[in-house]
């Protein structure tokens, strides 16, 4: 069985940058990215 952690800081390779950016809503950014990908621009 593979036990994974929910804490991003437990994974050095993917947590070297900031894990939280003040004033940025990840959900909103993801939705906007999806819209752009779907529209082809």
N, C-alpha and C. Protein backbone atom coordinates (compact mmCIF):
# COMPACT_ATOMS: atom_id res chain seq x y z
N UNK A 1 0.85 -1.18 0.00
CA UNK A 1 0.00 0.00 0.00
C UNK A 1 0.89 1.24 0.00
N UNK A 2 0.47 2.23 -0.72
CA UNK A 2 1.21 3.49 -0.81
C UNK A 2 0.49 4.55 0.02
N UNK A 3 1.12 5.00 1.07
CA UNK A 3 0.51 6.03 1.91
C UNK A 3 1.07 7.39 1.53
N UNK A 4 0.19 8.28 1.11
CA UNK A 4 0.60 9.61 0.69
C UNK A 4 0.14 10.64 1.71
N UNK A 5 0.88 11.71 1.81
CA UNK A 5 0.56 12.79 2.73
C UNK A 5 -0.26 13.86 2.02
N UNK A 6 -1.13 14.52 2.75
CA UNK A 6 -1.90 15.65 2.22
C UNK A 6 -1.15 16.97 2.36
N UNK A 7 0.01 16.93 2.99
CA UNK A 7 0.81 18.14 3.21
C UNK A 7 1.82 18.32 2.08
N UNK A 8 1.62 19.35 1.25
CA UNK A 8 2.49 19.60 0.10
C UNK A 8 3.95 19.76 0.52
N UNK A 9 4.18 20.24 1.71
CA UNK A 9 5.55 20.46 2.18
C UNK A 9 6.30 19.15 2.43
N UNK A 10 5.60 18.03 2.45
CA UNK A 10 6.25 16.73 2.60
C UNK A 10 6.91 16.27 1.29
N UNK A 11 6.65 16.99 0.20
CA UNK A 11 7.17 16.62 -1.11
C UNK A 11 8.09 17.73 -1.60
N UNK A 12 9.38 17.56 -1.36
CA UNK A 12 10.37 18.61 -1.63
C UNK A 12 10.32 19.09 -3.08
N UNK A 13 10.23 18.18 -4.03
CA UNK A 13 10.33 18.55 -5.45
C UNK A 13 9.24 19.54 -5.86
N UNK A 14 8.02 19.36 -5.37
CA UNK A 14 6.91 20.23 -5.79
C UNK A 14 6.64 21.39 -4.84
N UNK A 15 7.36 21.46 -3.74
CA UNK A 15 7.08 22.52 -2.77
C UNK A 15 8.24 23.49 -2.59
N UNK A 16 9.12 23.59 -3.57
CA UNK A 16 10.25 24.50 -3.46
C UNK A 16 9.85 25.96 -3.61
N UNK A 17 8.75 26.21 -4.29
CA UNK A 17 8.24 27.57 -4.45
C UNK A 17 7.23 27.89 -3.37
N UNK A 18 6.53 28.97 -3.56
CA UNK A 18 5.49 29.34 -2.60
C UNK A 18 4.30 28.41 -2.77
N UNK A 19 3.75 27.95 -1.67
CA UNK A 19 2.55 27.12 -1.75
C UNK A 19 1.30 27.97 -1.57
N UNK A 20 1.45 29.19 -1.07
CA UNK A 20 0.34 30.13 -0.94
C UNK A 20 0.78 31.48 -1.48
N UNK A 21 -0.03 32.06 -2.35
CA UNK A 21 0.25 33.38 -2.88
C UNK A 21 -0.87 34.30 -2.41
N UNK A 22 -0.54 35.31 -1.59
CA UNK A 22 -1.57 36.20 -1.06
C UNK A 22 -2.38 36.86 -2.18
N UNK A 23 -3.70 36.85 -2.05
CA UNK A 23 -4.57 37.51 -3.01
C UNK A 23 -4.90 36.70 -4.25
N UNK A 24 -4.41 35.46 -4.33
CA UNK A 24 -4.69 34.62 -5.50
C UNK A 24 -5.66 33.52 -5.09
N UNK A 25 -6.76 33.42 -5.84
CA UNK A 25 -7.77 32.40 -5.61
C UNK A 25 -7.51 31.27 -6.61
N UNK A 26 -7.00 30.14 -6.13
CA UNK A 26 -6.65 29.03 -7.02
C UNK A 26 -7.84 28.53 -7.83
N UNK A 27 -9.02 28.48 -7.22
CA UNK A 27 -10.21 28.02 -7.92
C UNK A 27 -10.56 28.93 -9.07
N UNK A 28 -10.50 30.24 -8.83
CA UNK A 28 -10.80 31.21 -9.87
C UNK A 28 -9.76 31.13 -11.00
N UNK A 29 -8.49 31.02 -10.64
CA UNK A 29 -7.43 30.92 -11.65
C UNK A 29 -7.60 29.67 -12.51
N UNK A 30 -7.97 28.57 -11.88
CA UNK A 30 -8.19 27.32 -12.61
C UNK A 30 -9.36 27.47 -13.58
N UNK A 31 -10.46 28.07 -13.11
CA UNK A 31 -11.63 28.27 -13.97
C UNK A 31 -11.29 29.17 -15.16
N UNK A 32 -10.55 30.24 -14.93
CA UNK A 32 -10.16 31.13 -16.02
C UNK A 32 -9.25 30.42 -17.02
N UNK A 33 -8.35 29.59 -16.53
CA UNK A 33 -7.48 28.82 -17.41
C UNK A 33 -8.30 27.85 -18.26
N UNK A 34 -9.26 27.17 -17.63
CA UNK A 34 -10.12 26.25 -18.38
C UNK A 34 -10.89 26.96 -19.48
N UNK A 35 -11.40 28.16 -19.18
CA UNK A 35 -12.14 28.94 -20.18
C UNK A 35 -11.23 29.26 -21.36
N UNK A 36 -10.01 29.69 -21.09
CA UNK A 36 -9.06 30.03 -22.15
C UNK A 36 -8.70 28.80 -22.99
N UNK A 37 -8.49 27.68 -22.34
CA UNK A 37 -8.15 26.45 -23.07
C UNK A 37 -9.31 26.04 -23.97
N UNK A 38 -10.53 26.10 -23.44
CA UNK A 38 -11.71 25.71 -24.21
C UNK A 38 -11.95 26.65 -25.39
N UNK A 39 -11.63 27.94 -25.23
CA UNK A 39 -11.87 28.90 -26.30
C UNK A 39 -10.74 28.90 -27.34
N UNK A 40 -9.64 28.26 -27.01
CA UNK A 40 -8.53 28.16 -27.95
C UNK A 40 -7.66 29.40 -28.02
N UNK A 41 -7.75 30.29 -27.02
CA UNK A 41 -6.91 31.49 -27.04
C UNK A 41 -6.07 31.60 -25.80
